[in-house]
Amino acid sequence: MTIQLGTRQQWLEARLDLLEEEKALTRQSDALAMKRQQLPRVRIDKEYRFDTEAGNVSLKDLFGGRSQLLVYHFMFGPDYTAGCPSCSSIADGFNGFFVHLENHDVAFTAISRAPLAKLLAFRQRMDWSFPWASSSGSDFNSDFSVWFTPEQQRQGGIEYNYRREPPAPEQSASEPLAGRTVQEWQLRGTEGPVAQIAAMTETDVATYTRDRPGVSAFELADGAVYHSYSSYARGLDGLWGMYQWLDRAPKGRNEQGVWWRHHDRYGKE
């Protein structure tokens, strides 16, 4: 991007023009938030169970006495040796503010398919403290469209982010799937960023992409749990704190490939 030079007055005039667009975007964001709250609720009658530090609990138990529950669907499958680095970057953010949610009638937890012991060991490595539950043995991840079977991958049966994906191409030595079934994650100037990210979890692309990221919201009313909202893929951009800061930096996101790591891996590769 070419740097444009100008006087302070020219900068101020351009900034005021941009401010009007920013205000319009803020108003639109407020309106969208209201529409999210107005979505129909869907009663959850299936009995989901989760392994937590407090023992094996139900979805209702995850509310912890609050009326609302936010779940981050953290990509950490049973075969991963570490959590997804992208999800980990998002977790670096919510680890700092989940306590504020909990003091505003909103329970929060991350949920992953990996066994609880593996989740807690990685949480300790990352120096996090947010609640983390294992859905191992449960249909929860599948029912909320963040886990898919090998058969669904091969046969084009994956419906993620409210769209059906084509069958995954056969893996080859020269191009290991290249992440082409996860178009939202393709970055400018790269062919296969998902393969790079998968390597950080010590899995292949097929194994890595059977789990997906997302956020879901639930409400507890009159003793029943209701699903109110879910979002996936680029719908999580607003929750990925580092990008909100980069979007305000002089060079923006300025990406030419996968540059982020688990926060304890910078400077070690």
C-alpha atoms as a PDB file:
ATOM      1  CA  MET A   1       0.000   0.000   0.000  1.00  0.00           C
ATOM      2  CA  THR A   2       1.390   3.389  -1.021  1.00  0.00           C
ATOM      3  CA  ILE A   3       1.669   5.886   1.830  1.00  0.00           C
ATOM      4  CA  GLN A   4      -0.244   9.100   1.165  1.00  0.00           C
ATOM      5  CA  LEU A   5       1.285  12.229   2.643  1.00  0.00           C
ATOM      6  CA  GLY A   6      -0.700  15.289   3.673  1.00  0.00           C
ATOM      7  CA  THR A   7      -1.017  18.165   6.079  1.00  0.00           C
ATOM      8  CA  ARG A   8      -2.656  17.885   9.493  1.00  0.00           C
ATOM      9  CA  GLN A   9      -5.712  19.688   8.073  1.00  0.00           C
ATOM     10  CA  GLN A  10      -5.981  17.235   5.176  1.00  0.00           C
ATOM     11  CA  TRP A  11      -5.658  14.370   7.637  1.00  0.00           C
ATOM     12  CA  LEU A  12      -8.416  15.827   9.820  1.00  0.00           C
ATOM     13  CA  GLU A  13     -10.792  16.266   6.883  1.00  0.00           C
ATOM     14  CA  ALA A  14     -10.216  12.689   5.743  1.00  0.00           C
ATOM     15  CA  ARG A  15     -10.562  11.436   9.293  1.00  0.00           C
ATOM     16  CA  LEU A  16     -13.904  13.184   9.763  1.00  0.00           C
ATOM     17  CA  ASP A  17     -15.194  11.618   6.537  1.00  0.00           C
ATOM     18  CA  LEU A  18     -14.102   8.206   7.786  1.00  0.00           C
ATOM     19  CA  LEU A  19     -15.695   8.914  11.167  1.00  0.00           C
ATOM     20  CA  GLU A  20     -19.121   9.198   9.543  1.00  0.00           C
ATOM     21  CA  GLU A  21     -18.660   5.764   7.964  1.00  0.00           C
ATOM     22  CA  GLU A  22     -17.460   4.321  11.277  1.00  0.00           C
ATOM     23  CA  LYS A  23     -20.517   5.726  13.044  1.00  0.00           C
ATOM     24  CA  ALA A  24     -22.787   4.213  10.401  1.00  0.00           C
ATOM     25  CA  LEU A  25     -21.078   0.846  10.882  1.00  0.00           C
ATOM     26  CA  THR A  26     -21.513   1.129  14.662  1.00  0.00           C
ATOM     27  CA  ARG A  27     -25.223   1.839  14.268  1.00  0.00           C
ATOM     28  CA  GLN A  28     -25.556  -1.108  11.893  1.00  0.00           C
ATOM     29  CA  SER A  29     -23.696  -3.320  14.367  1.00  0.00           C
ATOM     30  CA  ASP A  30     -26.086  -2.252  17.131  1.00  0.00           C
ATOM     31  CA  ALA A  31     -29.051  -3.124  14.926  1.00  0.00           C
ATOM     32  CA  LEU A  32     -27.561  -6.532  14.103  1.00  0.00           C
ATOM     33  CA  ALA A  33     -27.010  -7.231  17.810  1.00  0.00           C
ATOM     34  CA  MET A  34     -30.686  -6.534  18.439  1.00  0.00           C
ATOM     35  CA  LYS A  35     -31.672  -8.926  15.639  1.00  0.00           C
ATOM     36  CA  ARG A  36     -29.485 -11.635  17.181  1.00  0.00           C
ATOM     37  CA  GLN A  37     -31.414 -11.233  20.438  1.00  0.00           C
ATOM     38  CA  GLN A  38     -34.717 -11.495  18.553  1.00  0.00           C
ATOM     39  CA  LEU A  39     -33.948 -14.837  16.894  1.00  0.00           C
ATOM     40  CA  PRO A  40     -36.431 -17.602  17.784  1.00  0.00           C
ATOM     41  CA  ARG A  41     -35.313 -19.846  20.644  1.00  0.00           C
ATOM     42  CA  VAL A  42     -35.027 -23.615  20.102  1.00  0.00           C
ATOM     43  CA  ARG A  43     -35.587 -25.797  23.136  1.00  0.00           C
ATOM     44  CA  ILE A  44     -32.794 -28.296  23.837  1.00  0.00           C
ATOM     45  CA  ASP A  45     -34.300 -31.593  24.970  1.00  0.00           C
ATOM     46  CA  LYS A  46     -31.291 -33.865  24.340  1.00  0.00           C
ATOM     47  CA  GLU A  47     -29.296 -34.711  27.453  1.00  0.00           C
ATOM     48  CA  TYR A  48     -25.727 -33.638  26.733  1.00  0.00           C
ATOM     49  CA  ARG A  49     -23.023 -34.552  29.256  1.00  0.00           C
ATOM     50  CA  PHE A  50     -19.625 -32.946  29.713  1.00  0.00           C
ATOM     51  CA  ASP A  51     -16.508 -33.734  31.713  1.00  0.00           C
ATOM     52  CA  THR A  52     -15.432 -30.709  33.745  1.00  0.00           C
ATOM     53  CA  GLU A  53     -13.261 -29.959  36.754  1.00  0.00           C
ATOM     54  CA  ALA A  54     -16.475 -30.210  38.818  1.00  0.00           C
ATOM     55  CA  GLY A  55     -17.248 -33.676  37.457  1.00  0.00           C
ATOM     56  CA  ASN A  56     -19.585 -34.962  34.754  1.00  0.00           C
ATOM     57  CA  VAL A  57     -22.288 -32.354  34.258  1.00  0.00           C
ATOM     58  CA  SER A  58     -25.235 -31.455  32.019  1.00  0.00           C
ATOM     59  CA  LEU A  59     -25.614 -28.494  29.679  1.00  0.00           C
ATOM     60  CA  LYS A  60     -27.888 -26.892  32.268  1.00  0.00           C
ATOM     61  CA  ASP A  61     -25.163 -27.271  34.911  1.00  0.00           C
ATOM     62  CA  LEU A  62     -22.792 -25.211  32.760  1.00  0.00           C
ATOM     63  CA  PHE A  63     -24.959 -22.155  33.444  1.00  0.00           C
ATOM     64  CA  GLY A  64     -23.726 -22.140  37.049  1.00  0.00           C
ATOM     65  CA  GLY A  65     -26.865 -20.436  38.310  1.00  0.00           C
ATOM     66  CA  ARG A  66     -26.897 -17.806  35.559  1.00  0.00           C
ATOM     67  CA  SER A  67     -29.601 -17.315  32.930  1.00  0.00           C
ATOM     68  CA  GLN A  68     -27.275 -17.160  29.904  1.00  0.00           C
ATOM     69  CA  LEU A  69     -24.424 -19.286  28.598  1.00  0.00           C
ATOM     70  CA  LEU A  70     -21.851 -18.525  25.913  1.00  0.00           C
ATOM     71  CA  VAL A  71     -19.870 -21.440  24.502  1.00  0.00           C
ATOM     72  CA  TYR A  72     -16.699 -21.160  22.455  1.00  0.00           C
ATOM     73  CA  HIS A  73     -16.313 -24.254  20.274  1.00  0.00           C
ATOM     74  CA  PHE A  74     -12.544 -24.639  20.620  1.00  0.00           C
ATOM     75  CA  MET A  75     -10.845 -26.790  17.959  1.00  0.00           C
ATOM     76  CA  PHE A  76      -9.093 -29.463  19.991  1.00  0.00           C
ATOM     77  CA  GLY A  77      -9.798 -32.978  18.753  1.00  0.00           C
ATOM     78  CA  PRO A  78      -8.701 -36.128  20.575  1.00  0.00           C
ATOM     79  CA  ASP A  79      -5.771 -36.585  18.155  1.00  0.00           C
ATOM     80  CA  TYR A  80      -4.416 -33.046  18.551  1.00  0.00           C
ATOM     81  CA  THR A  81      -1.298 -32.637  20.678  1.00  0.00           C
ATOM     82  CA  ALA A  82      -2.130 -28.931  21.171  1.00  0.00           C
ATOM     83  CA  GLY A  83      -5.135 -26.714  20.707  1.00  0.00           C
ATOM     84  CA  CYS A  84      -5.697 -25.008  17.370  1.00  0.00           C
ATOM     85  CA  PRO A  85      -3.364 -21.977  17.296  1.00  0.00           C
ATOM     86  CA  SER A  86      -6.107 -19.764  15.850  1.00  0.00           C
ATOM     87  CA  CYS A  87      -8.541 -20.763  18.597  1.00  0.00           C
ATOM     88  CA  SER A  88      -5.692 -20.289  21.064  1.00  0.00           C
ATOM     89  CA  SER A  89      -5.194 -16.724  19.886  1.00  0.00           C
ATOM     90  CA  ILE A  90      -8.910 -16.049  20.401  1.00  0.00           C
ATOM     91  CA  ALA A  91      -8.668 -17.694  23.834  1.00  0.00           C
ATOM     92  CA  ASP A  92      -5.827 -15.351  24.789  1.00  0.00           C
ATOM     93  CA  GLY A  93      -8.467 -12.629  24.557  1.00  0.00           C
ATOM     94  CA  PHE A  94     -11.458 -14.194  26.306  1.00  0.00           C
ATOM     95  CA  ASN A  95      -9.244 -15.560  29.071  1.00  0.00           C
ATOM     96  CA  GLY A  96      -8.949 -11.971  30.268  1.00  0.00           C
ATOM     97  CA  PHE A  97     -12.612 -10.977  30.212  1.00  0.00           C
ATOM     98  CA  PHE A  98     -14.692 -14.104  30.914  1.00  0.00           C
ATOM     99  CA  VAL A  99     -14.794 -13.063  34.592  1.00  0.00           C
ATOM    100  CA  HIS A 100     -16.689  -9.916  33.579  1.00  0.00           C
ATOM    101  CA  LEU A 101     -19.274 -12.001  31.719  1.00  0.00           C
ATOM    102  CA  GLU A 102     -19.710 -14.238  34.744  1.00  0.00           C
ATOM    103  CA  ASN A 103     -20.492 -11.177  36.851  1.00  0.00           C
ATOM    104  CA  HIS A 104     -23.102 -10.017  34.356  1.00  0.00           C
ATOM    105  CA  ASP A 105     -25.399 -13.087  34.422  1.00  0.00           C
ATOM    106  CA  VAL A 106     -23.527 -14.766  31.543  1.00  0.00           C
ATOM    107  CA  ALA A 107     -21.756 -18.075  32.091  1.00  0.00           C
ATOM    108  CA  PHE A 108     -18.873 -18.863  29.770  1.00  0.00           C
ATOM    109  CA  THR A 109     -17.054 -22.054  28.829  1.00  0.00           C
ATOM    110  CA  ALA A 110     -14.941 -23.447  26.028  1.00  0.00           C
ATOM    111  CA  ILE A 111     -15.955 -26.919  24.834  1.00  0.00           C
ATOM    112  CA  SER A 112     -13.769 -29.364  22.892  1.00  0.00           C
ATOM    113  CA  ARG A 113     -13.795 -33.062  22.000  1.00  0.00           C
ATOM    114  CA  ALA A 114     -10.399 -33.893  23.480  1.00  0.00           C
ATOM    115  CA  PRO A 115     -10.329 -35.637  26.881  1.00  0.00           C
ATOM    116  CA  LEU A 116     -10.490 -33.279  29.849  1.00  0.00           C
ATOM    117  CA  ALA A 117      -6.982 -34.160  31.060  1.00  0.00           C
ATOM    118  CA  LYS A 118      -5.517 -33.099  27.718  1.00  0.00           C
ATOM    119  CA  LEU A 119      -7.498 -29.846  27.737  1.00  0.00           C
ATOM    120  CA  LEU A 120      -6.448 -28.951  31.255  1.00  0.00           C
ATOM    121  CA  ALA A 121      -2.791 -29.748  30.564  1.00  0.00           C
ATOM    122  CA  PHE A 122      -2.806 -27.431  27.560  1.00  0.00           C
ATOM    123  CA  ARG A 123      -4.661 -24.755  29.555  1.00  0.00           C
ATOM    124  CA  GLN A 124      -1.907 -24.912  32.167  1.00  0.00           C
ATOM    125  CA  ARG A 125       0.751 -24.646  29.460  1.00  0.00           C
ATOM    126  CA  MET A 126      -0.960 -21.521  28.087  1.00  0.00           C
ATOM    127  CA  ASP A 127      -1.452 -20.036  31.584  1.00  0.00           C
ATOM    128  CA  TRP A 128      -5.215 -19.694  31.081  1.00  0.00           C
ATOM    129  CA  SER A 129      -7.965 -19.976  33.693  1.00  0.00           C
ATOM    130  CA  PHE A 130     -11.282 -19.984  31.775  1.00  0.00           C
ATOM    131  CA  PRO A 131     -13.632 -22.974  32.240  1.00  0.00           C
ATOM    132  CA  TRP A 132     -13.074 -25.755  29.710  1.00  0.00           C
ATOM    133  CA  ALA A 133     -15.331 -28.778  29.242  1.00  0.00           C
ATOM    134  CA  SER A 134     -14.812 -31.975  27.280  1.00  0.00           C
ATOM    135  CA  SER A 135     -17.685 -33.172  25.100  1.00  0.00           C
ATOM    136  CA  SER A 136     -15.974 -36.533  24.500  1.00  0.00           C
ATOM    137  CA  GLY A 137     -18.590 -39.207  23.920  1.00  0.00           C
ATOM    138  CA  SER A 138     -21.338 -36.634  23.367  1.00  0.00           C
ATOM    139  CA  ASP A 139     -23.213 -35.568  20.220  1.00  0.00           C
ATOM    140  CA  PHE A 140     -22.825 -31.912  21.203  1.00  0.00           C
ATOM    141  CA  ASN A 141     -20.118 -30.954  18.692  1.00  0.00           C
ATOM    142  CA  SER A 142     -21.821 -32.802  15.877  1.00  0.00           C
ATOM    143  CA  ASP A 143     -25.254 -31.372  16.655  1.00  0.00           C
ATOM    144  CA  PHE A 144     -23.870 -27.828  16.677  1.00  0.00           C
ATOM    145  CA  SER A 145     -21.973 -28.310  13.414  1.00  0.00           C
ATOM    146  CA  VAL A 146     -18.420 -28.128  14.717  1.00  0.00           C
ATOM    147  CA  TRP A 147     -17.389 -31.764  14.237  1.00  0.00           C
ATOM    148  CA  PHE A 148     -17.725 -34.023  11.209  1.00  0.00           C
ATOM    149  CA  THR A 149     -16.903 -37.630  10.387  1.00  0.00           C
ATOM    150  CA  PRO A 150     -14.361 -38.879   7.826  1.00  0.00           C
ATOM    151  CA  GLU A 151     -17.312 -40.154   5.772  1.00  0.00           C
ATOM    152  CA  GLN A 152     -18.868 -36.695   5.699  1.00  0.00           C
ATOM    153  CA  GLN A 153     -15.522 -35.286   4.566  1.00  0.00           C
ATOM    154  CA  ARG A 154     -15.158 -37.767   1.740  1.00  0.00           C
ATOM    155  CA  GLN A 155     -18.764 -37.686   0.568  1.00  0.00           C
ATOM    156  CA  GLY A 156     -19.416 -33.941   0.740  1.00  0.00           C
ATOM    157  CA  GLY A 157     -21.676 -34.225   3.765  1.00  0.00           C
ATOM    158  CA  ILE A 158     -20.180 -31.341   5.737  1.00  0.00           C
ATOM    159  CA  GLU A 159     -22.512 -28.405   6.382  1.00  0.00           C
ATOM    160  CA  TYR A 160     -20.466 -25.761   8.145  1.00  0.00           C
ATOM    161  CA  ASN A 161     -21.252 -22.071   8.494  1.00  0.00           C
ATOM    162  CA  TYR A 162     -24.689 -22.798   6.995  1.00  0.00           C
ATOM    163  CA  ARG A 163     -23.161 -23.981   3.702  1.00  0.00           C
ATOM    164  CA  ARG A 164     -22.471 -27.442   2.318  1.00  0.00           C
ATOM    165  CA  GLU A 165     -18.847 -28.110   1.435  1.00  0.00           C
ATOM    166  CA  PRO A 166     -17.730 -30.181  -1.562  1.00  0.00           C
ATOM    167  CA  PRO A 167     -16.009 -33.516  -0.911  1.00  0.00           C
ATOM    168  CA  ALA A 168     -12.455 -33.131   0.338  1.00  0.00           C
ATOM    169  CA  PRO A 169      -9.860 -33.910  -2.358  1.00  0.00           C
ATOM    170  CA  GLU A 170      -7.659 -36.926  -1.929  1.00  0.00           C
ATOM    171  CA  GLN A 171      -4.530 -36.256   0.081  1.00  0.00           C
ATOM    172  CA  SER A 172      -1.270 -36.248  -1.858  1.00  0.00           C
ATOM    173  CA  ALA A 173       2.351 -35.867  -0.921  1.00  0.00           C
ATOM    174  CA  SER A 174       2.756 -32.724  -3.017  1.00  0.00           C
ATOM    175  CA  GLU A 175      -0.437 -30.995  -1.882  1.00  0.00           C
ATOM    176  CA  PRO A 176      -1.873 -32.339   1.403  1.00  0.00           C
ATOM    177  CA  LEU A 177      -5.466 -31.154   0.898  1.00  0.00           C
ATOM    178  CA  ALA A 178      -4.189 -27.564   0.934  1.00  0.00           C
ATOM    179  CA  GLY A 179      -7.106 -26.444   3.049  1.00  0.00           C
ATOM    180  CA  ARG A 180      -9.296 -25.888   0.021  1.00  0.00           C
ATOM    181  CA  THR A 181     -12.447 -27.013   1.767  1.00  0.00           C
ATOM    182  CA  VAL A 182     -12.004 -24.270   4.360  1.00  0.00           C
ATOM    183  CA  GLN A 183     -12.149 -21.264   2.071  1.00  0.00           C
ATOM    184  CA  GLU A 184     -12.683 -18.786   4.895  1.00  0.00           C
ATOM    185  CA  TRP A 185      -9.163 -19.489   6.150  1.00  0.00           C
ATOM    186  CA  GLN A 186      -7.324 -18.980   2.872  1.00  0.00           C
ATOM    187  CA  LEU A 187      -5.044 -15.962   3.048  1.00  0.00           C
ATOM    188  CA  ARG A 188      -3.680 -13.754   0.340  1.00  0.00           C
ATOM    189  CA  GLY A 189      -0.488 -15.106  -1.195  1.00  0.00           C
ATOM    190  CA  THR A 190      -0.806 -18.653   0.131  1.00  0.00           C
ATOM    191  CA  GLU A 191      -2.120 -21.917  -1.246  1.00  0.00           C
ATOM    192  CA  GLY A 192      -2.462 -24.055   1.850  1.00  0.00           C
ATOM    193  CA  PRO A 193      -2.493 -22.231   5.199  1.00  0.00           C
ATOM    194  CA  VAL A 194      -4.579 -24.928   6.841  1.00  0.00           C
ATOM    195  CA  ALA A 195      -1.771 -27.451   6.340  1.00  0.00           C
ATOM    196  CA  GLN A 196       0.577 -25.113   8.207  1.00  0.00           C
ATOM    197  CA  ILE A 197      -1.886 -24.665  11.053  1.00  0.00           C
ATOM    198  CA  ALA A 198      -2.626 -28.390  11.238  1.00  0.00           C
ATOM    199  CA  ALA A 199       1.097 -29.052  11.656  1.00  0.00           C
ATOM    200  CA  MET A 200       1.060 -26.943  14.832  1.00  0.00           C
ATOM    201  CA  THR A 201      -1.356 -29.477  16.336  1.00  0.00           C
ATOM    202  CA  GLU A 202       0.692 -32.406  14.941  1.00  0.00           C
ATOM    203  CA  THR A 203      -2.202 -33.669  12.830  1.00  0.00           C
ATOM    204  CA  ASP A 204      -2.817 -33.941   9.105  1.00  0.00           C
ATOM    205  CA  VAL A 205      -5.264 -31.597   7.392  1.00  0.00           C
ATOM    206  CA  ALA A 206      -8.076 -34.153   7.210  1.00  0.00           C
ATOM    207  CA  THR A 207      -7.908 -34.843  10.944  1.00  0.00           C
ATOM    208  CA  TYR A 208      -7.492 -31.200  11.841  1.00  0.00           C
ATOM    209  CA  THR A 209     -10.440 -29.935   9.796  1.00  0.00           C
ATOM    210  CA  ARG A 210     -12.947 -32.449  11.109  1.00  0.00           C
ATOM    211  CA  ASP A 211     -13.198 -30.101  14.102  1.00  0.00           C
ATOM    212  CA  ARG A 212     -14.291 -26.512  13.455  1.00  0.00           C
ATOM    213  CA  PRO A 213     -14.501 -23.268  15.470  1.00  0.00           C
ATOM    214  CA  GLY A 214     -17.665 -21.479  16.464  1.00  0.00           C
ATOM    215  CA  VAL A 215     -19.609 -19.733  19.210  1.00  0.00           C
ATOM    216  CA  SER A 216     -23.051 -20.665  20.502  1.00  0.00           C
ATOM    217  CA  ALA A 217     -25.412 -18.924  22.911  1.00  0.00           C
ATOM    218  CA  PHE A 218     -28.016 -20.512  25.200  1.00  0.00           C
ATOM    219  CA  GLU A 219     -30.681 -19.245  27.580  1.00  0.00           C
ATOM    220  CA  LEU A 220     -32.120 -20.892  30.678  1.00  0.00           C
ATOM    221  CA  ALA A 221     -35.802 -20.098  31.263  1.00  0.00           C
ATOM    222  CA  ASP A 222     -38.337 -21.882  33.475  1.00  0.00           C
ATOM    223  CA  GLY A 223     -35.923 -24.752  33.960  1.00  0.00           C
ATOM    224  CA  ALA A 224     -35.418 -25.425  30.237  1.00  0.00           C
ATOM    225  CA  VAL A 225     -32.380 -24.692  28.049  1.00  0.00           C
ATOM    226  CA  TYR A 226     -32.871 -22.889  24.736  1.00  0.00           C
ATOM    227  CA  HIS A 227     -30.437 -22.340  21.872  1.00  0.00           C
ATOM    228  CA  SER A 228     -30.476 -18.728  20.680  1.00  0.00           C
ATOM    229  CA  TYR A 229     -27.491 -18.171  18.366  1.00  0.00           C
ATOM    230  CA  SER A 230     -24.472 -19.765  16.682  1.00  0.00           C
ATOM    231  CA  SER A 231     -21.790 -18.302  14.440  1.00  0.00           C
ATOM    232  CA  TYR A 232     -18.808 -19.803  12.640  1.00  0.00           C
ATOM    233  CA  ALA A 233     -15.763 -19.064  10.429  1.00  0.00           C
ATOM    234  CA  ARG A 234     -15.498 -15.326   9.586  1.00  0.00           C
ATOM    235  CA  GLY A 235     -18.430 -14.764  11.917  1.00  0.00           C
ATOM    236  CA  LEU A 236     -15.840 -15.095  14.688  1.00  0.00           C
ATOM    237  CA  ASP A 237     -13.703 -12.222  13.393  1.00  0.00           C
ATOM    238  CA  GLY A 238     -15.168  -9.781  15.881  1.00  0.00           C
ATOM    239  CA  LEU A 239     -14.179 -12.110  18.733  1.00  0.00           C
ATOM    240  CA  TRP A 240     -10.573 -12.476  17.537  1.00  0.00           C
ATOM    241  CA  GLY A 241      -9.057  -9.632  19.512  1.00  0.00           C
ATOM    242  CA  MET A 242      -5.724  -9.277  17.725  1.00  0.00           C
ATOM    243  CA  TYR A 243      -7.471  -8.557  14.427  1.00  0.00           C
ATOM    244  CA  GLN A 244      -9.512  -5.738  15.927  1.00  0.00           C
ATOM    245  CA  TRP A 245      -6.232  -4.095  16.862  1.00  0.00           C
ATOM    246  CA  LEU A 246      -4.531  -4.866  13.529  1.00  0.00           C
ATOM    247  CA  ASP A 247      -7.482  -3.337  11.662  1.00  0.00           C
ATOM    248  CA  ARG A 248      -6.534  -0.062  13.367  1.00  0.00           C
ATOM    249  CA  ALA A 249      -2.779  -0.352  12.772  1.00  0.00           C
ATOM    250  CA  PRO A 250      -1.187   1.655   9.921  1.00  0.00           C
ATOM    251  CA  LYS A 251      -0.632  -1.434   7.723  1.00  0.00           C
ATOM    252  CA  GLY A 252      -3.783  -3.291   8.750  1.00  0.00           C
ATOM    253  CA  ARG A 253      -3.665  -7.081   8.762  1.00  0.00           C
ATOM    254  CA  ASN A 254      -0.773  -7.077   6.301  1.00  0.00           C
ATOM    255  CA  GLU A 255      -0.839 -10.865   5.916  1.00  0.00           C
ATOM    256  CA  GLN A 256       1.108 -12.963   3.455  1.00  0.00           C
ATOM    257  CA  GLY A 257       0.584 -16.308   5.121  1.00  0.00           C
ATOM    258  CA  VAL A 258       0.138 -17.902   8.511  1.00  0.00           C
ATOM    259  CA  TRP A 259       2.151 -15.722  10.859  1.00  0.00           C
ATOM    260  CA  TRP A 260       0.544 -16.402  14.264  1.00  0.00           C
ATOM    261  CA  ARG A 261       1.619 -19.105  16.711  1.00  0.00           C
ATOM    262  CA  HIS A 262       0.725 -20.379  20.164  1.00  0.00           C
ATOM    263  CA  HIS A 263       1.842 -17.457  22.282  1.00  0.00           C
ATOM    264  CA  ASP A 264       4.592 -19.511  23.941  1.00  0.00           C
ATOM    265  CA  ARG A 265       6.094 -20.474  20.566  1.00  0.00           C
ATOM    266  CA  TYR A 266       7.119 -17.039  19.289  1.00  0.00           C
ATOM    267  CA  GLY A 267      10.875 -16.803  18.993  1.00  0.00           C
ATOM    268  CA  LYS A 268      11.330 -20.583  19.283  1.00  0.00           C
ATOM    269  CA  GLU A 269      11.033 -21.589  15.626  1.00  0.00           C
END
